[in-house]
Amino acid sequence: MTDVPGIDPSIPPSGTGCVECLARHGWWLHLRRCAQCGHIGCCDNSPGRHGTAHHDSTGHPIITSFEPGENWFYNYRDGQFYEGPHLAPPESRPADQPVPGPAGNVPADWQRLLS
């Protein structure tokens, strides 16, 4: 999966956490990176589901994990997982960032709150 529309390996991530969760003092379980523009959003198991919301609002078709040690891409258009190219660094959230995160925003009963 190289030279694919919807993947721009030169674009760095938008930050180290979900853009929308950080703006709202929210929290996430896992992070996803838009392979086209670098937007960092939270996964569909997170309360905000901002990764998919970003796809829905922009049409950007491909995300990748922003978790350490994970190297997969997901195409919303065909619902398939793929291997993909290395993207501009960093390729994951900081290893010392807790899961769920960010530190200080996660409620004590977070497991009960997940869908």
N, C-alpha and C. Protein backbone atom coordinates (compact mmCIF):
# COMPACT_ATOMS: atom_id res chain seq x y z
N MET A 1 0.85 -1.18 0.00
CA MET A 1 0.00 0.00 0.00
C MET A 1 0.89 1.24 0.00
N THR A 2 1.48 1.54 -1.14
CA THR A 2 2.28 2.75 -1.29
C THR A 2 1.73 3.53 -2.47
N ASP A 3 2.00 4.82 -2.49
CA ASP A 3 1.46 5.70 -3.52
C ASP A 3 -0.06 5.55 -3.64
N VAL A 4 -0.71 5.56 -2.50
CA VAL A 4 -2.15 5.39 -2.44
C VAL A 4 -2.81 6.73 -2.15
N PRO A 5 -3.83 7.10 -2.92
CA PRO A 5 -4.56 8.32 -2.58
C PRO A 5 -5.10 8.20 -1.15
N GLY A 6 -4.86 9.24 -0.36
CA GLY A 6 -5.30 9.22 1.03
C GLY A 6 -4.17 8.96 2.00
N ILE A 7 -2.95 8.72 1.49
CA ILE A 7 -1.79 8.58 2.35
C ILE A 7 -0.73 9.57 1.90
N ASP A 8 -0.31 10.44 2.82
CA ASP A 8 0.78 11.37 2.55
C ASP A 8 1.84 11.14 3.62
N PRO A 9 2.87 10.36 3.30
CA PRO A 9 3.90 10.02 4.29
C PRO A 9 4.70 11.21 4.81
N SER A 10 4.62 12.36 4.14
CA SER A 10 5.43 13.51 4.55
C SER A 10 4.77 14.36 5.64
N ILE A 11 3.49 14.17 5.89
CA ILE A 11 2.75 15.01 6.83
C ILE A 11 2.95 14.50 8.26
N PRO A 12 3.45 15.35 9.18
CA PRO A 12 3.61 14.92 10.57
C PRO A 12 2.27 14.87 11.30
N PRO A 13 2.21 14.17 12.42
CA PRO A 13 0.97 14.12 13.19
C PRO A 13 0.65 15.50 13.78
N SER A 14 -0.63 15.70 14.07
CA SER A 14 -1.09 16.98 14.60
C SER A 14 -0.67 17.22 16.04
N GLY A 15 -0.20 16.21 16.72
CA GLY A 15 0.21 16.32 18.12
C GLY A 15 0.41 14.94 18.71
N THR A 16 0.36 14.87 20.03
CA THR A 16 0.59 13.59 20.71
C THR A 16 -0.69 13.01 21.30
N GLY A 17 -1.80 13.69 21.10
CA GLY A 17 -3.08 13.20 21.63
C GLY A 17 -4.22 13.63 20.75
N CYS A 18 -5.41 13.13 21.05
CA CYS A 18 -6.61 13.46 20.28
C CYS A 18 -6.88 14.97 20.35
N VAL A 19 -6.92 15.58 19.19
CA VAL A 19 -7.09 17.03 19.09
C VAL A 19 -8.36 17.48 19.81
N GLU A 20 -9.47 16.82 19.53
CA GLU A 20 -10.75 17.24 20.10
C GLU A 20 -10.83 16.94 21.59
N CYS A 21 -10.35 15.78 22.02
CA CYS A 21 -10.38 15.45 23.46
C CYS A 21 -9.54 16.44 24.26
N LEU A 22 -8.37 16.79 23.74
CA LEU A 22 -7.53 17.74 24.46
C LEU A 22 -8.20 19.10 24.55
N ALA A 23 -8.87 19.52 23.49
CA ALA A 23 -9.55 20.82 23.49
C ALA A 23 -10.71 20.86 24.49
N ARG A 24 -11.31 19.70 24.74
CA ARG A 24 -12.49 19.62 25.63
C ARG A 24 -12.15 19.02 27.00
N HIS A 25 -10.88 18.81 27.26
CA HIS A 25 -10.42 18.17 28.51
C HIS A 25 -11.02 16.78 28.66
N GLY A 26 -11.18 16.10 27.53
CA GLY A 26 -11.71 14.74 27.52
C GLY A 26 -10.59 13.72 27.62
N TRP A 27 -10.92 12.48 27.30
CA TRP A 27 -9.95 11.39 27.40
C TRP A 27 -10.22 10.36 26.33
N TRP A 28 -9.25 9.48 26.11
CA TRP A 28 -9.34 8.47 25.06
C TRP A 28 -8.78 7.15 25.54
N LEU A 29 -9.14 6.10 24.82
CA LEU A 29 -8.56 4.78 25.07
C LEU A 29 -7.32 4.59 24.19
N HIS A 30 -7.49 4.66 22.87
CA HIS A 30 -6.37 4.53 21.93
C HIS A 30 -6.46 5.64 20.90
N LEU A 31 -5.34 5.89 20.23
CA LEU A 31 -5.25 6.99 19.28
C LEU A 31 -5.10 6.49 17.85
N ARG A 32 -5.67 7.26 16.92
CA ARG A 32 -5.61 6.97 15.49
C ARG A 32 -5.11 8.21 14.77
N ARG A 33 -4.36 7.99 13.68
CA ARG A 33 -3.78 9.09 12.90
C ARG A 33 -4.34 9.05 11.49
N CYS A 34 -4.82 10.17 11.01
CA CYS A 34 -5.25 10.27 9.61
C CYS A 34 -4.00 10.21 8.75
N ALA A 35 -3.99 9.27 7.82
CA ALA A 35 -2.82 9.08 6.95
C ALA A 35 -2.70 10.16 5.89
N GLN A 36 -3.73 10.98 5.73
CA GLN A 36 -3.70 12.03 4.71
C GLN A 36 -3.24 13.36 5.28
N CYS A 37 -3.78 13.75 6.44
CA CYS A 37 -3.47 15.09 6.97
C CYS A 37 -2.78 15.07 8.33
N GLY A 38 -2.63 13.90 8.96
CA GLY A 38 -1.95 13.82 10.24
C GLY A 38 -2.80 14.05 11.46
N HIS A 39 -4.09 14.33 11.29
CA HIS A 39 -4.98 14.56 12.43
C HIS A 39 -4.94 13.37 13.39
N ILE A 40 -4.76 13.66 14.67
CA ILE A 40 -4.81 12.61 15.69
C ILE A 40 -6.18 12.67 16.34
N GLY A 41 -6.88 11.54 16.28
CA GLY A 41 -8.19 11.39 16.90
C GLY A 41 -8.22 10.13 17.74
N CYS A 42 -9.26 9.98 18.52
CA CYS A 42 -9.38 8.80 19.37
C CYS A 42 -10.14 7.69 18.65
N CYS A 43 -9.94 6.46 19.12
CA CYS A 43 -10.53 5.28 18.49
C CYS A 43 -12.03 5.18 18.75
N ASP A 44 -12.67 4.26 18.07
CA ASP A 44 -14.12 4.08 18.22
C ASP A 44 -14.52 3.48 19.55
N ASN A 45 -13.58 2.96 20.33
CA ASN A 45 -13.90 2.50 21.68
C ASN A 45 -13.79 3.62 22.70
N SER A 46 -13.29 4.77 22.29
CA SER A 46 -13.18 5.94 23.16
C SER A 46 -14.52 6.67 23.17
N PRO A 47 -14.80 7.40 24.23
CA PRO A 47 -16.09 8.11 24.29
C PRO A 47 -16.34 9.06 23.12
N GLY A 48 -15.30 9.76 22.64
CA GLY A 48 -15.50 10.75 21.59
C GLY A 48 -15.54 10.21 20.17
N ARG A 49 -14.89 9.10 19.91
CA ARG A 49 -14.81 8.51 18.56
C ARG A 49 -14.38 9.55 17.51
N HIS A 50 -13.40 10.36 17.86
CA HIS A 50 -13.02 11.48 17.00
C HIS A 50 -12.26 11.08 15.75
N GLY A 51 -11.62 9.91 15.74
CA GLY A 51 -10.96 9.45 14.52
C GLY A 51 -11.95 9.23 13.40
N THR A 52 -13.02 8.50 13.70
CA THR A 52 -14.07 8.27 12.70
C THR A 52 -14.82 9.57 12.38
N ALA A 53 -15.03 10.42 13.37
CA ALA A 53 -15.69 11.70 13.12
C ALA A 53 -14.87 12.54 12.14
N HIS A 54 -13.55 12.47 12.26
CA HIS A 54 -12.69 13.19 11.31
C HIS A 54 -12.89 12.65 9.90
N HIS A 55 -12.91 11.35 9.76
CA HIS A 55 -13.18 10.75 8.45
C HIS A 55 -14.54 11.21 7.92
N ASP A 56 -15.56 11.15 8.76
CA ASP A 56 -16.91 11.52 8.33
C ASP A 56 -16.98 12.98 7.87
N SER A 57 -16.24 13.86 8.52
CA SER A 57 -16.32 15.28 8.17
C SER A 57 -15.40 15.67 7.01
N THR A 58 -14.32 14.92 6.80
CA THR A 58 -13.36 15.31 5.76
C THR A 58 -13.37 14.38 4.54
N GLY A 59 -13.81 13.14 4.74
CA GLY A 59 -13.72 12.15 3.67
C GLY A 59 -12.34 11.53 3.54
N HIS A 60 -11.41 11.90 4.40
CA HIS A 60 -10.08 11.29 4.35
C HIS A 60 -10.25 9.80 4.63
N PRO A 61 -9.80 8.95 3.71
CA PRO A 61 -10.20 7.54 3.74
C PRO A 61 -9.40 6.60 4.63
N ILE A 62 -8.18 6.97 5.04
CA ILE A 62 -7.31 5.98 5.67
C ILE A 62 -6.77 6.50 7.00
N ILE A 63 -6.84 5.64 8.01
CA ILE A 63 -6.23 5.93 9.30
C ILE A 63 -5.18 4.87 9.59
N THR A 64 -4.34 5.18 10.54
CA THR A 64 -3.37 4.23 11.05
C THR A 64 -3.35 4.33 12.56
N SER A 65 -2.88 3.29 13.20
CA SER A 65 -2.74 3.34 14.65
C SER A 65 -1.69 4.37 15.02
N PHE A 66 -1.91 5.05 16.14
CA PHE A 66 -0.91 5.96 16.70
C PHE A 66 -0.46 5.43 18.05
N GLU A 67 -0.48 4.09 18.16
CA GLU A 67 -0.05 3.40 19.37
C GLU A 67 1.32 2.77 19.15
N PRO A 68 2.19 2.79 20.17
CA PRO A 68 3.52 2.20 20.03
C PRO A 68 3.45 0.73 19.62
N GLY A 69 4.28 0.35 18.67
CA GLY A 69 4.37 -1.05 18.26
C GLY A 69 3.30 -1.51 17.30
N GLU A 70 2.35 -0.66 16.93
CA GLU A 70 1.30 -1.04 16.00
C GLU A 70 1.57 -0.38 14.65
N ASN A 71 1.48 -1.18 13.58
CA ASN A 71 1.74 -0.66 12.24
C ASN A 71 0.70 -1.20 11.28
N TRP A 72 -0.53 -0.72 11.40
CA TRP A 72 -1.59 -1.12 10.48
C TRP A 72 -2.30 0.12 9.98
N PHE A 73 -2.90 -0.02 8.83
CA PHE A 73 -3.70 1.03 8.22
C PHE A 73 -5.10 0.46 8.00
N TYR A 74 -6.11 1.32 8.13
CA TYR A 74 -7.50 0.91 7.91
C TYR A 74 -8.10 1.86 6.89
N ASN A 75 -8.76 1.28 5.88
CA ASN A 75 -9.40 2.06 4.83
C ASN A 75 -10.90 2.06 5.09
N TYR A 76 -11.45 3.24 5.41
CA TYR A 76 -12.88 3.36 5.67
C TYR A 76 -13.71 2.99 4.45
N ARG A 77 -13.19 3.22 3.26
CA ARG A 77 -13.97 2.99 2.04
C ARG A 77 -14.25 1.52 1.80
N ASP A 78 -13.27 0.65 2.06
CA ASP A 78 -13.51 -0.78 1.82
C ASP A 78 -13.56 -1.61 3.09
N GLY A 79 -13.34 -0.97 4.25
CA GLY A 79 -13.43 -1.67 5.53
C GLY A 79 -12.32 -2.69 5.74
N GLN A 80 -11.19 -2.52 5.08
CA GLN A 80 -10.10 -3.48 5.16
C GLN A 80 -8.88 -2.89 5.87
N PHE A 81 -8.11 -3.78 6.49
CA PHE A 81 -6.84 -3.41 7.10
C PHE A 81 -5.71 -3.74 6.14
N TYR A 82 -4.66 -2.90 6.18
CA TYR A 82 -3.52 -3.05 5.29
C TYR A 82 -2.24 -2.73 6.04
N GLU A 83 -1.12 -3.15 5.46
CA GLU A 83 0.18 -2.64 5.87
C GLU A 83 0.41 -1.39 5.04
N GLY A 84 1.21 -0.48 5.56
CA GLY A 84 1.44 0.75 4.82
C GLY A 84 2.84 1.28 5.01
N PRO A 85 3.11 2.43 4.42
CA PRO A 85 4.45 3.01 4.50
C PRO A 85 4.72 3.63 5.87
N HIS A 86 5.99 3.88 6.13
CA HIS A 86 6.34 4.66 7.32
C HIS A 86 5.89 6.09 7.08
N LEU A 87 5.36 6.70 8.11
CA LEU A 87 4.92 8.09 8.02
C LEU A 87 5.90 9.00 8.74
N ALA A 88 5.78 10.29 8.50
CA ALA A 88 6.64 11.27 9.17
C ALA A 88 6.56 11.07 10.68
N PRO A 89 7.68 11.18 11.36
CA PRO A 89 7.69 10.96 12.81
C PRO A 89 7.00 12.09 13.56
N PRO A 90 6.59 11.76 14.77
CA PRO A 90 6.63 10.45 15.40
C PRO A 90 5.53 9.55 14.87
N GLU A 91 5.78 8.24 14.89
CA GLU A 91 4.81 7.28 14.37
C GLU A 91 3.84 6.79 15.44
N SER A 92 4.02 7.23 16.69
CA SER A 92 3.09 6.84 17.76
C SER A 92 3.10 7.89 18.85
N ARG A 93 2.13 7.75 19.73
CA ARG A 93 2.10 8.61 20.91
C ARG A 93 3.37 8.35 21.72
N PRO A 94 3.73 9.25 22.64
CA PRO A 94 4.89 8.99 23.48
C PRO A 94 4.67 7.71 24.30
N ALA A 95 5.70 6.91 24.40
CA ALA A 95 5.60 5.64 25.13
C ALA A 95 5.25 5.83 26.59
N ASP A 96 5.58 6.98 27.17
CA ASP A 96 5.28 7.22 28.58
C ASP A 96 3.88 7.82 28.80
N GLN A 97 3.14 8.04 27.73
CA GLN A 97 1.76 8.54 27.85
C GLN A 97 0.87 7.37 28.27
N PRO A 98 0.07 7.52 29.32
CA PRO A 98 -0.72 6.39 29.80
C PRO A 98 -1.86 6.01 28.87
N VAL A 99 -2.32 4.78 29.02
CA VAL A 99 -3.49 4.27 28.31
C VAL A 99 -4.47 3.80 29.37
N PRO A 100 -5.67 4.35 29.42
CA PRO A 100 -6.13 5.48 28.61
C PRO A 100 -5.43 6.77 29.00
N GLY A 101 -5.64 7.79 28.21
CA GLY A 101 -4.96 9.06 28.45
C GLY A 101 -5.88 10.22 28.11
N PRO A 102 -5.45 11.41 28.30
CA PRO A 102 -4.15 11.77 28.86
C PRO A 102 -4.18 11.74 30.38
N ALA A 103 -3.01 11.71 30.97
CA ALA A 103 -2.90 11.69 32.43
C ALA A 103 -3.67 12.87 33.01
N GLY A 104 -4.42 12.60 34.04
CA GLY A 104 -5.17 13.65 34.72
C GLY A 104 -6.59 13.86 34.22
N ASN A 105 -6.92 13.35 33.03
CA ASN A 105 -8.27 13.54 32.47
C ASN A 105 -9.13 12.29 32.53
N VAL A 106 -8.54 11.15 32.85
CA VAL A 106 -9.26 9.88 32.78
C VAL A 106 -10.03 9.66 34.09
N PRO A 107 -11.34 9.46 34.01
CA PRO A 107 -12.12 9.23 35.23
C PRO A 107 -11.78 7.88 35.87
N ALA A 108 -11.94 7.80 37.17
CA ALA A 108 -11.63 6.57 37.90
C ALA A 108 -12.44 5.38 37.39
N ASP A 109 -13.66 5.62 36.95
CA ASP A 109 -14.54 4.54 36.47
C ASP A 109 -14.53 4.42 34.95
N TRP A 110 -13.39 4.70 34.31
CA TRP A 110 -13.30 4.74 32.86
C TRP A 110 -13.75 3.45 32.19
N GLN A 111 -13.48 2.29 32.78
CA GLN A 111 -13.85 1.02 32.16
C GLN A 111 -15.37 0.90 32.01
N ARG A 112 -16.10 1.40 32.98
CA ARG A 112 -17.56 1.35 32.94
C ARG A 112 -18.11 2.27 31.83
N LEU A 113 -17.37 3.30 31.50
CA LEU A 113 -17.83 4.30 30.55
C LEU A 113 -17.59 3.95 29.09
N LEU A 114 -16.80 2.91 28.83
CA LEU A 114 -16.50 2.53 27.45
C LEU A 114 -17.65 1.77 26.82
N SER A 115 -17.79 1.95 25.52
CA SER A 115 -18.88 1.25 24.82
C SER A 115 -18.45 -0.11 24.35
